[in-house]
């Protein structure tokens, strides 16, 4: 097991912090480990009548607009119940409310450097109640796709978001879609 000798935050904003840990490996070798700390997030697979709801927004890090499942975290309330987080993100990004929210499980997004856990929900019995976008999401659009078209978008590389693909893969394996 790796032992932490010391830890210091080297960068911080309202969405995340980055820390550098001085570590010691079981062999006695010392080194550093960079860790990105972010609150847990939720991703929502919202399906009704053979349609899956996606959102698209500009992702600065890759300099392009990307389709993905509704997802997010509440940095202002990092200890929020993940069911409430999922319901809130679904409404915020798509304007939808789900009468049924089934928890499918949790996954780590990139545990080599990021400690964020992603909680996966399957939402059905949807009704439109109006969205409420954050300032950071001013360019976000929401659209429903046929599930077969969505799956083709993954196969063809149009959707590259690992959270979207992993969450959907889990849902397929659990036979909920």
N, C-alpha and C. Protein backbone atom coordinates (compact mmCIF):
# COMPACT_ATOMS: atom_id res chain seq x y z
N UNK A 1 0.85 -1.18 0.00
CA UNK A 1 0.00 0.00 0.00
C UNK A 1 0.89 1.24 0.00
N UNK A 2 0.48 2.24 -0.73
CA UNK A 2 1.24 3.49 -0.80
C UNK A 2 0.89 4.35 0.42
N UNK A 3 1.92 4.90 1.05
CA UNK A 3 1.76 5.74 2.24
C UNK A 3 1.91 7.21 1.85
N UNK A 4 1.00 8.05 2.31
CA UNK A 4 1.08 9.48 2.07
C UNK A 4 1.94 10.11 3.16
N UNK A 5 3.01 10.78 2.73
CA UNK A 5 3.92 11.44 3.68
C UNK A 5 3.49 12.88 3.95
N UNK A 6 3.04 13.56 2.89
CA UNK A 6 2.53 14.92 3.03
C UNK A 6 1.64 15.22 1.84
N UNK A 7 0.84 16.27 1.98
CA UNK A 7 -0.10 16.63 0.92
C UNK A 7 -0.28 18.14 0.92
N UNK A 8 -0.28 18.74 -0.28
CA UNK A 8 -0.56 20.18 -0.36
C UNK A 8 -1.37 20.48 -1.61
N UNK A 9 -2.32 21.40 -1.46
CA UNK A 9 -3.13 21.86 -2.59
C UNK A 9 -2.28 22.83 -3.39
N UNK A 10 -2.13 22.55 -4.69
CA UNK A 10 -1.32 23.41 -5.56
C UNK A 10 -2.17 24.27 -6.48
N UNK A 11 -3.46 23.96 -6.59
CA UNK A 11 -4.39 24.75 -7.39
C UNK A 11 -5.80 24.47 -6.91
N UNK A 12 -6.64 25.52 -6.96
CA UNK A 12 -8.02 25.34 -6.52
C UNK A 12 -8.92 26.37 -7.19
N UNK A 13 -10.12 25.93 -7.61
CA UNK A 13 -11.17 26.84 -8.06
C UNK A 13 -12.49 26.29 -7.53
N UNK A 14 -13.61 26.85 -7.96
CA UNK A 14 -14.89 26.40 -7.39
C UNK A 14 -15.32 25.02 -7.87
N UNK A 15 -14.68 24.48 -8.90
CA UNK A 15 -15.06 23.18 -9.44
C UNK A 15 -14.16 22.03 -8.99
N UNK A 16 -12.91 22.35 -8.63
CA UNK A 16 -11.97 21.28 -8.32
C UNK A 16 -10.76 21.83 -7.57
N UNK A 17 -9.99 20.91 -7.05
CA UNK A 17 -8.68 21.27 -6.51
C UNK A 17 -7.68 20.21 -6.98
N UNK A 18 -6.44 20.63 -7.07
CA UNK A 18 -5.37 19.72 -7.46
C UNK A 18 -4.37 19.72 -6.31
N UNK A 19 -4.03 18.52 -5.88
CA UNK A 19 -3.06 18.44 -4.79
C UNK A 19 -1.88 17.58 -5.23
N UNK A 20 -0.77 17.82 -4.58
CA UNK A 20 0.44 17.04 -4.83
C UNK A 20 0.80 16.34 -3.53
N UNK A 21 0.79 15.02 -3.57
CA UNK A 21 1.11 14.21 -2.40
C UNK A 21 2.52 13.65 -2.51
N UNK A 22 3.29 13.80 -1.44
CA UNK A 22 4.57 13.11 -1.33
C UNK A 22 4.23 11.71 -0.82
N UNK A 23 4.69 10.69 -1.54
CA UNK A 23 4.31 9.31 -1.19
C UNK A 23 5.54 8.43 -0.97
N UNK A 24 5.25 7.29 -0.32
CA UNK A 24 6.27 6.25 -0.18
C UNK A 24 5.63 4.92 -0.58
N UNK A 25 6.27 4.26 -1.52
CA UNK A 25 5.78 2.96 -1.99
C UNK A 25 6.21 1.86 -1.02
N UNK A 26 5.59 0.68 -1.09
CA UNK A 26 5.95 -0.42 -0.19
C UNK A 26 7.45 -0.77 -0.22
N UNK A 27 8.10 -0.52 -1.36
CA UNK A 27 9.53 -0.80 -1.49
C UNK A 27 10.40 0.20 -0.73
N UNK A 28 9.77 1.32 -0.29
CA UNK A 28 10.51 2.40 0.35
C UNK A 28 10.83 3.54 -0.60
N UNK A 29 10.62 3.33 -1.89
CA UNK A 29 10.87 4.38 -2.88
C UNK A 29 9.86 5.51 -2.67
N UNK A 30 10.37 6.73 -2.72
CA UNK A 30 9.50 7.89 -2.54
C UNK A 30 9.24 8.56 -3.88
N UNK A 31 8.14 9.32 -3.94
CA UNK A 31 7.79 10.03 -5.15
C UNK A 31 6.64 10.99 -4.89
N UNK A 32 6.06 11.48 -5.96
CA UNK A 32 4.91 12.37 -5.83
C UNK A 32 3.73 11.77 -6.59
N UNK A 33 2.57 12.16 -6.16
CA UNK A 33 1.35 11.74 -6.85
C UNK A 33 0.46 12.97 -6.96
N UNK A 34 0.02 13.29 -8.18
CA UNK A 34 -0.91 14.39 -8.40
C UNK A 34 -2.34 13.86 -8.39
N UNK A 35 -3.21 14.53 -7.62
CA UNK A 35 -4.59 14.09 -7.49
C UNK A 35 -5.53 15.26 -7.75
N UNK A 36 -6.53 15.04 -8.59
CA UNK A 36 -7.59 16.02 -8.81
C UNK A 36 -8.76 15.62 -7.92
N UNK A 37 -9.16 16.52 -7.03
CA UNK A 37 -10.30 16.30 -6.14
C UNK A 37 -11.52 17.00 -6.73
N UNK A 38 -12.59 16.24 -6.96
CA UNK A 38 -13.86 16.79 -7.44
C UNK A 38 -14.99 16.09 -6.70
N UNK A 39 -16.10 16.78 -6.48
CA UNK A 39 -17.23 16.11 -5.84
C UNK A 39 -17.83 15.06 -6.77
N UNK A 40 -18.54 14.10 -6.16
CA UNK A 40 -19.21 13.08 -6.95
C UNK A 40 -20.17 13.71 -7.95
N UNK A 41 -20.40 12.98 -9.03
CA UNK A 41 -21.31 13.45 -10.06
C UNK A 41 -22.36 12.37 -10.33
N UNK A 42 -23.34 12.74 -11.14
CA UNK A 42 -24.37 11.80 -11.57
C UNK A 42 -24.51 11.90 -13.08
N UNK A 43 -24.80 10.77 -13.70
CA UNK A 43 -25.11 10.72 -15.13
C UNK A 43 -26.48 10.05 -15.25
N UNK A 44 -27.29 10.57 -16.16
CA UNK A 44 -28.66 10.11 -16.26
C UNK A 44 -28.95 9.59 -17.67
N UNK A 45 -29.37 8.34 -17.73
CA UNK A 45 -29.80 7.73 -18.99
C UNK A 45 -31.32 7.87 -19.02
N UNK A 46 -31.79 8.90 -19.69
CA UNK A 46 -33.22 9.22 -19.72
C UNK A 46 -33.83 8.68 -21.00
N UNK A 47 -34.72 7.70 -20.86
CA UNK A 47 -35.29 7.00 -22.01
C UNK A 47 -36.80 6.94 -21.89
N UNK A 48 -37.47 7.25 -22.99
CA UNK A 48 -38.92 7.10 -23.09
C UNK A 48 -39.28 6.84 -24.56
N UNK A 49 -40.17 5.90 -24.79
CA UNK A 49 -40.68 5.60 -26.13
C UNK A 49 -39.56 5.37 -27.14
N UNK A 50 -38.52 4.62 -26.74
CA UNK A 50 -37.44 4.30 -27.66
C UNK A 50 -36.51 5.45 -27.97
N UNK A 51 -36.65 6.54 -27.22
CA UNK A 51 -35.82 7.73 -27.41
C UNK A 51 -34.93 7.94 -26.19
N UNK A 52 -33.69 8.33 -26.42
CA UNK A 52 -32.76 8.64 -25.34
C UNK A 52 -32.42 10.13 -25.43
N UNK A 53 -32.40 10.78 -24.29
CA UNK A 53 -32.18 12.23 -24.25
C UNK A 53 -30.71 12.54 -24.01
N UNK A 54 -30.15 13.33 -24.92
CA UNK A 54 -28.76 13.75 -24.85
C UNK A 54 -28.68 15.26 -24.76
N UNK A 55 -27.53 15.72 -24.35
CA UNK A 55 -27.25 17.15 -24.36
C UNK A 55 -25.97 17.37 -25.17
N UNK A 56 -25.85 18.56 -25.73
CA UNK A 56 -24.66 18.92 -26.47
C UNK A 56 -24.20 20.28 -25.99
N UNK A 57 -22.91 20.38 -25.74
CA UNK A 57 -22.35 21.68 -25.37
C UNK A 57 -20.90 21.75 -25.84
N UNK A 58 -20.38 22.96 -25.84
CA UNK A 58 -18.99 23.16 -26.23
C UNK A 58 -18.10 22.74 -25.07
N UNK A 59 -17.16 21.85 -25.36
CA UNK A 59 -16.20 21.38 -24.37
C UNK A 59 -14.85 22.01 -24.68
N UNK A 60 -14.51 22.99 -23.87
CA UNK A 60 -13.31 23.80 -24.10
C UNK A 60 -12.04 22.96 -24.23
N UNK A 61 -11.91 21.94 -23.39
CA UNK A 61 -10.67 21.15 -23.37
C UNK A 61 -10.38 20.45 -24.70
N UNK A 62 -11.42 20.08 -25.45
CA UNK A 62 -11.21 19.43 -26.75
C UNK A 62 -11.62 20.35 -27.91
N UNK A 63 -12.05 21.57 -27.58
CA UNK A 63 -12.35 22.60 -28.58
C UNK A 63 -13.42 22.16 -29.59
N UNK A 64 -14.50 21.53 -29.07
CA UNK A 64 -15.59 21.14 -29.96
C UNK A 64 -16.87 20.91 -29.17
N UNK A 65 -17.98 20.94 -29.89
CA UNK A 65 -19.28 20.61 -29.30
C UNK A 65 -19.40 19.09 -29.26
N UNK A 66 -19.94 18.57 -28.16
CA UNK A 66 -20.02 17.12 -27.98
C UNK A 66 -21.39 16.72 -27.46
N UNK A 67 -21.90 15.60 -28.01
CA UNK A 67 -23.13 14.98 -27.49
C UNK A 67 -22.75 14.07 -26.33
N UNK A 68 -23.59 14.06 -25.30
CA UNK A 68 -23.36 13.21 -24.13
C UNK A 68 -24.66 13.07 -23.35
N UNK A 69 -24.66 12.14 -22.42
CA UNK A 69 -25.80 12.02 -21.51
C UNK A 69 -25.79 13.20 -20.54
N UNK A 70 -26.95 13.61 -20.05
CA UNK A 70 -26.99 14.65 -19.02
C UNK A 70 -26.17 14.17 -17.81
N UNK A 71 -25.34 15.06 -17.29
CA UNK A 71 -24.47 14.69 -16.18
C UNK A 71 -23.93 15.93 -15.50
N UNK A 72 -23.50 15.76 -14.27
CA UNK A 72 -22.87 16.88 -13.59
C UNK A 72 -22.76 16.66 -12.10
N UNK A 73 -22.16 17.66 -11.47
CA UNK A 73 -21.95 17.67 -10.02
C UNK A 73 -22.44 19.00 -9.47
N UNK A 74 -22.66 19.02 -8.19
CA UNK A 74 -23.03 20.26 -7.51
C UNK A 74 -21.87 20.68 -6.61
N UNK A 75 -21.00 21.49 -7.16
CA UNK A 75 -19.83 21.94 -6.42
C UNK A 75 -20.23 22.74 -5.18
N UNK A 76 -21.35 23.45 -5.25
CA UNK A 76 -21.81 24.24 -4.10
C UNK A 76 -22.43 23.36 -3.01
N UNK A 77 -22.72 22.10 -3.34
CA UNK A 77 -23.30 21.17 -2.38
C UNK A 77 -22.70 19.78 -2.62
N UNK A 78 -21.38 19.62 -2.36
CA UNK A 78 -20.71 18.37 -2.72
C UNK A 78 -21.21 17.14 -1.98
N UNK A 79 -21.89 17.31 -0.87
CA UNK A 79 -22.39 16.16 -0.11
C UNK A 79 -23.86 15.85 -0.39
N UNK A 80 -24.39 16.43 -1.47
CA UNK A 80 -25.80 16.20 -1.83
C UNK A 80 -26.05 14.72 -2.07
N UNK A 81 -27.25 14.27 -1.76
CA UNK A 81 -27.67 12.91 -2.06
C UNK A 81 -27.61 12.71 -3.57
N UNK A 82 -26.99 11.63 -4.04
CA UNK A 82 -26.80 11.48 -5.48
C UNK A 82 -28.10 11.28 -6.26
N UNK A 83 -29.17 10.80 -5.62
CA UNK A 83 -30.46 10.74 -6.31
C UNK A 83 -30.99 12.16 -6.56
N UNK A 84 -30.90 13.01 -5.56
CA UNK A 84 -31.32 14.40 -5.74
C UNK A 84 -30.46 15.11 -6.77
N UNK A 85 -29.18 14.82 -6.76
CA UNK A 85 -28.26 15.37 -7.76
C UNK A 85 -28.69 14.94 -9.16
N UNK A 86 -28.97 13.65 -9.34
CA UNK A 86 -29.39 13.14 -10.65
C UNK A 86 -30.68 13.80 -11.12
N UNK A 87 -31.67 13.90 -10.22
CA UNK A 87 -32.93 14.56 -10.58
C UNK A 87 -32.69 16.02 -10.96
N UNK A 88 -31.85 16.69 -10.19
CA UNK A 88 -31.56 18.10 -10.45
C UNK A 88 -30.83 18.31 -11.76
N UNK A 89 -29.84 17.47 -12.05
CA UNK A 89 -29.10 17.61 -13.31
C UNK A 89 -29.99 17.30 -14.51
N UNK A 90 -30.86 16.30 -14.39
CA UNK A 90 -31.78 15.98 -15.48
C UNK A 90 -32.68 17.18 -15.78
N UNK A 91 -33.24 17.78 -14.75
CA UNK A 91 -34.12 18.93 -14.97
C UNK A 91 -33.33 20.12 -15.50
N UNK A 92 -32.19 20.40 -14.86
CA UNK A 92 -31.38 21.56 -15.24
C UNK A 92 -31.00 21.52 -16.71
N UNK A 93 -30.54 20.35 -17.18
CA UNK A 93 -29.98 20.27 -18.52
C UNK A 93 -31.00 19.94 -19.60
N UNK A 94 -32.06 19.21 -19.26
CA UNK A 94 -33.02 18.78 -20.30
C UNK A 94 -34.42 19.34 -20.10
N UNK A 95 -34.71 19.83 -18.90
CA UNK A 95 -36.07 20.28 -18.60
C UNK A 95 -37.02 19.14 -18.29
N UNK A 96 -36.46 17.94 -18.06
CA UNK A 96 -37.29 16.76 -17.84
C UNK A 96 -37.35 16.37 -16.36
N UNK A 97 -38.49 15.82 -15.99
CA UNK A 97 -38.67 15.21 -14.68
C UNK A 97 -38.97 13.74 -14.93
N UNK A 98 -38.43 12.87 -14.09
CA UNK A 98 -38.65 11.44 -14.26
C UNK A 98 -39.47 10.90 -13.09
N UNK A 99 -40.56 10.22 -13.40
CA UNK A 99 -41.36 9.58 -12.35
C UNK A 99 -40.65 8.36 -11.80
N UNK A 100 -39.73 7.79 -12.58
CA UNK A 100 -38.97 6.62 -12.14
C UNK A 100 -37.48 6.85 -12.35
N UNK A 101 -36.71 6.70 -11.28
CA UNK A 101 -35.24 6.82 -11.33
C UNK A 101 -34.67 5.55 -10.69
N UNK A 102 -34.00 4.75 -11.50
CA UNK A 102 -33.42 3.50 -11.03
C UNK A 102 -31.91 3.65 -10.95
N UNK A 103 -31.36 3.34 -9.78
CA UNK A 103 -29.92 3.42 -9.58
C UNK A 103 -29.26 2.19 -10.19
N UNK A 104 -28.30 2.41 -11.09
CA UNK A 104 -27.62 1.29 -11.75
C UNK A 104 -26.26 0.98 -11.13
N UNK A 105 -25.68 1.93 -10.42
CA UNK A 105 -24.38 1.70 -9.81
C UNK A 105 -23.49 2.91 -9.93
N UNK A 106 -22.24 2.72 -9.55
CA UNK A 106 -21.28 3.82 -9.61
C UNK A 106 -20.01 3.36 -10.30
N UNK A 107 -19.32 4.32 -10.89
CA UNK A 107 -18.07 4.06 -11.59
C UNK A 107 -17.09 5.19 -11.29
N UNK A 108 -15.82 4.87 -11.37
CA UNK A 108 -14.78 5.90 -11.30
C UNK A 108 -14.51 6.36 -12.72
N UNK A 109 -14.32 7.65 -12.90
CA UNK A 109 -14.14 8.21 -14.23
C UNK A 109 -12.71 8.03 -14.73
N UNK A 110 -11.75 8.41 -13.92
CA UNK A 110 -10.33 8.33 -14.30
C UNK A 110 -9.50 8.20 -13.03
N UNK A 111 -9.60 7.07 -12.37
CA UNK A 111 -9.02 6.95 -11.02
C UNK A 111 -7.50 6.94 -10.98
N UNK A 112 -6.85 7.07 -12.10
CA UNK A 112 -5.40 7.23 -12.10
C UNK A 112 -4.97 8.59 -11.58
N UNK A 113 -5.87 9.57 -11.64
CA UNK A 113 -5.54 10.92 -11.14
C UNK A 113 -6.73 11.65 -10.54
N UNK A 114 -7.94 11.14 -10.71
CA UNK A 114 -9.17 11.83 -10.30
C UNK A 114 -9.93 10.96 -9.31
N UNK A 115 -10.35 11.55 -8.17
CA UNK A 115 -11.05 10.76 -7.15
C UNK A 115 -12.58 10.85 -7.26
N UNK A 116 -13.09 11.39 -8.33
CA UNK A 116 -14.54 11.57 -8.51
C UNK A 116 -15.25 10.25 -8.82
N UNK A 117 -16.38 10.03 -8.15
CA UNK A 117 -17.24 8.89 -8.41
C UNK A 117 -18.45 9.37 -9.20
N UNK A 118 -18.87 8.59 -10.19
CA UNK A 118 -20.03 8.93 -11.00
C UNK A 118 -21.15 7.94 -10.70
N UNK A 119 -22.29 8.45 -10.26
CA UNK A 119 -23.46 7.63 -9.95
C UNK A 119 -24.37 7.59 -11.18
N UNK A 120 -24.79 6.39 -11.56
CA UNK A 120 -25.52 6.19 -12.81
C UNK A 120 -26.99 5.89 -12.52
N UNK A 121 -27.87 6.67 -13.17
CA UNK A 121 -29.31 6.49 -13.01
C UNK A 121 -29.97 6.25 -14.36
N UNK A 122 -31.00 5.42 -14.33
CA UNK A 122 -31.84 5.18 -15.50
C UNK A 122 -33.19 5.83 -15.21
N UNK A 123 -33.55 6.80 -16.03
CA UNK A 123 -34.77 7.60 -15.81
C UNK A 123 -35.81 7.28 -16.87
N UNK A 124 -37.05 7.07 -16.41
CA UNK A 124 -38.15 6.80 -17.34
C UNK A 124 -39.40 7.55 -16.87
N UNK A 125 -40.47 7.41 -17.64
CA UNK A 125 -41.73 8.11 -17.37
C UNK A 125 -41.45 9.61 -17.26
N UNK A 126 -40.95 10.14 -18.35
CA UNK A 126 -40.47 11.52 -18.40
C UNK A 126 -41.58 12.51 -18.72
N UNK A 127 -41.49 13.67 -18.11
CA UNK A 127 -42.38 14.78 -18.46
C UNK A 127 -41.56 16.05 -18.51
N UNK A 128 -41.93 16.93 -19.45
CA UNK A 128 -41.18 18.17 -19.63
C UNK A 128 -41.71 19.22 -18.66
N UNK A 129 -40.80 19.77 -17.84
CA UNK A 129 -41.20 20.80 -16.86
C UNK A 129 -40.40 22.09 -17.01
N UNK A 130 -39.43 22.13 -17.93
CA UNK A 130 -38.65 23.34 -18.18
C UNK A 130 -37.27 23.25 -17.55
N UNK A 131 -36.26 23.65 -18.33
CA UNK A 131 -34.90 23.56 -17.83
C UNK A 131 -34.48 24.84 -17.11
N UNK A 132 -33.33 24.78 -16.47
CA UNK A 132 -32.80 25.89 -15.68
C UNK A 132 -31.28 25.80 -15.74
N UNK A 133 -30.71 26.24 -16.85
CA UNK A 133 -29.28 26.07 -17.09
C UNK A 133 -28.43 26.95 -16.19
N UNK A 134 -27.24 26.42 -15.82
CA UNK A 134 -26.22 27.22 -15.15
C UNK A 134 -25.61 28.17 -16.15
N UNK A 135 -24.95 29.21 -15.66
CA UNK A 135 -24.27 30.17 -16.52
C UNK A 135 -23.26 29.47 -17.42
N UNK A 136 -22.55 28.47 -16.88
CA UNK A 136 -21.54 27.74 -17.64
C UNK A 136 -22.15 26.89 -18.76
N UNK A 137 -23.46 26.72 -18.73
CA UNK A 137 -24.14 25.88 -19.72
C UNK A 137 -24.98 26.69 -20.70
N UNK A 138 -24.65 27.94 -20.90
CA UNK A 138 -25.50 28.81 -21.72
C UNK A 138 -25.65 28.33 -23.16
N UNK A 139 -24.70 27.53 -23.65
CA UNK A 139 -24.77 27.04 -25.03
C UNK A 139 -25.32 25.62 -25.13
N UNK A 140 -25.77 25.05 -24.03
CA UNK A 140 -26.23 23.66 -24.00
C UNK A 140 -27.55 23.52 -24.72
N UNK A 141 -27.64 22.47 -25.54
CA UNK A 141 -28.90 22.12 -26.18
C UNK A 141 -29.24 20.68 -25.80
N UNK A 142 -30.51 20.35 -25.82
CA UNK A 142 -30.99 19.02 -25.46
C UNK A 142 -31.80 18.48 -26.62
N UNK A 143 -31.64 17.17 -26.88
CA UNK A 143 -32.38 16.56 -27.99
C UNK A 143 -32.54 15.07 -27.71
N UNK A 144 -33.65 14.52 -28.16
CA UNK A 144 -33.89 13.09 -28.05
C UNK A 144 -33.49 12.40 -29.36
N UNK A 145 -32.90 11.22 -29.24
CA UNK A 145 -32.48 10.42 -30.38
C UNK A 145 -33.09 9.03 -30.27
N UNK A 146 -33.34 8.38 -31.40
CA UNK A 146 -33.68 6.96 -31.37
C UNK A 146 -32.49 6.23 -30.76
N UNK A 147 -32.79 5.22 -29.96
CA UNK A 147 -31.70 4.48 -29.31
C UNK A 147 -30.75 3.89 -30.35
N UNK A 148 -31.26 3.38 -31.45
CA UNK A 148 -30.38 2.80 -32.48
C UNK A 148 -29.47 3.87 -33.08
N UNK A 149 -29.98 5.09 -33.26
CA UNK A 149 -29.15 6.18 -33.77
C UNK A 149 -28.07 6.55 -32.75
N UNK A 150 -28.44 6.58 -31.47
CA UNK A 150 -27.50 6.86 -30.40
C UNK A 150 -26.38 5.82 -30.38
N UNK A 151 -26.75 4.55 -30.46
CA UNK A 151 -25.74 3.49 -30.45
C UNK A 151 -24.82 3.62 -31.66
N UNK A 152 -25.38 3.98 -32.81
CA UNK A 152 -24.55 4.18 -34.00
C UNK A 152 -23.60 5.37 -33.81
N UNK A 153 -24.05 6.41 -33.13
CA UNK A 153 -23.18 7.56 -32.85
C UNK A 153 -21.97 7.13 -32.00
N UNK A 154 -22.18 6.19 -31.10
CA UNK A 154 -21.07 5.66 -30.29
C UNK A 154 -20.12 4.87 -31.19
N UNK A 155 -20.67 3.94 -31.97
CA UNK A 155 -19.86 3.07 -32.83
C UNK A 155 -19.06 3.90 -33.83
N UNK A 156 -19.68 4.93 -34.39
CA UNK A 156 -19.02 5.76 -35.41
C UNK A 156 -18.05 6.79 -34.81
N UNK A 157 -17.98 6.88 -33.50
CA UNK A 157 -17.05 7.81 -32.87
C UNK A 157 -17.57 9.23 -32.75
N UNK A 158 -18.85 9.44 -33.04
CA UNK A 158 -19.43 10.77 -32.88
C UNK A 158 -19.59 11.10 -31.39
N UNK A 159 -19.85 10.09 -30.59
CA UNK A 159 -19.88 10.24 -29.13
C UNK A 159 -18.62 9.60 -28.59
N UNK A 160 -17.81 10.39 -27.88
CA UNK A 160 -16.54 9.91 -27.34
C UNK A 160 -16.44 10.07 -25.83
N UNK A 161 -17.49 10.57 -25.22
CA UNK A 161 -17.49 10.81 -23.78
C UNK A 161 -17.48 9.48 -23.04
N UNK A 162 -16.41 9.22 -22.28
CA UNK A 162 -16.31 7.92 -21.61
C UNK A 162 -17.40 7.70 -20.58
N UNK A 163 -17.88 8.75 -19.91
CA UNK A 163 -18.96 8.59 -18.93
C UNK A 163 -20.23 8.12 -19.63
N UNK A 164 -20.56 8.74 -20.74
CA UNK A 164 -21.74 8.35 -21.51
C UNK A 164 -21.65 6.90 -21.97
N UNK A 165 -20.52 6.55 -22.56
CA UNK A 165 -20.36 5.20 -23.12
C UNK A 165 -20.33 4.15 -22.01
N UNK A 166 -19.62 4.40 -20.93
CA UNK A 166 -19.54 3.43 -19.83
C UNK A 166 -20.89 3.26 -19.14
N UNK A 167 -21.58 4.36 -18.90
CA UNK A 167 -22.89 4.28 -18.24
C UNK A 167 -23.88 3.52 -19.11
N UNK A 168 -23.89 3.81 -20.40
CA UNK A 168 -24.80 3.11 -21.30
C UNK A 168 -24.44 1.63 -21.39
N UNK A 169 -23.15 1.34 -21.42
CA UNK A 169 -22.71 -0.06 -21.44
C UNK A 169 -23.20 -0.82 -20.21
N UNK A 170 -23.12 -0.19 -19.04
CA UNK A 170 -23.63 -0.81 -17.82
C UNK A 170 -25.13 -1.05 -17.93
N UNK A 171 -25.86 -0.06 -18.43
CA UNK A 171 -27.31 -0.20 -18.59
C UNK A 171 -27.65 -1.36 -19.54
N UNK A 172 -26.89 -1.49 -20.63
CA UNK A 172 -27.12 -2.59 -21.58
C UNK A 172 -26.85 -3.93 -20.90
N UNK A 173 -25.76 -4.01 -20.16
CA UNK A 173 -25.43 -5.27 -19.50
C UNK A 173 -26.45 -5.64 -18.42
N UNK A 174 -27.04 -4.62 -17.81
CA UNK A 174 -28.08 -4.87 -16.81
C UNK A 174 -29.45 -5.05 -17.45
N UNK A 175 -29.48 -4.92 -18.78
CA UNK A 175 -30.68 -5.15 -19.58
C UNK A 175 -31.84 -4.22 -19.25
N UNK A 176 -31.51 -2.96 -18.95
CA UNK A 176 -32.57 -1.97 -18.72
C UNK A 176 -32.86 -1.19 -19.99
N UNK A 177 -31.97 -1.24 -20.99
CA UNK A 177 -32.22 -0.62 -22.29
C UNK A 177 -32.08 -1.68 -23.37
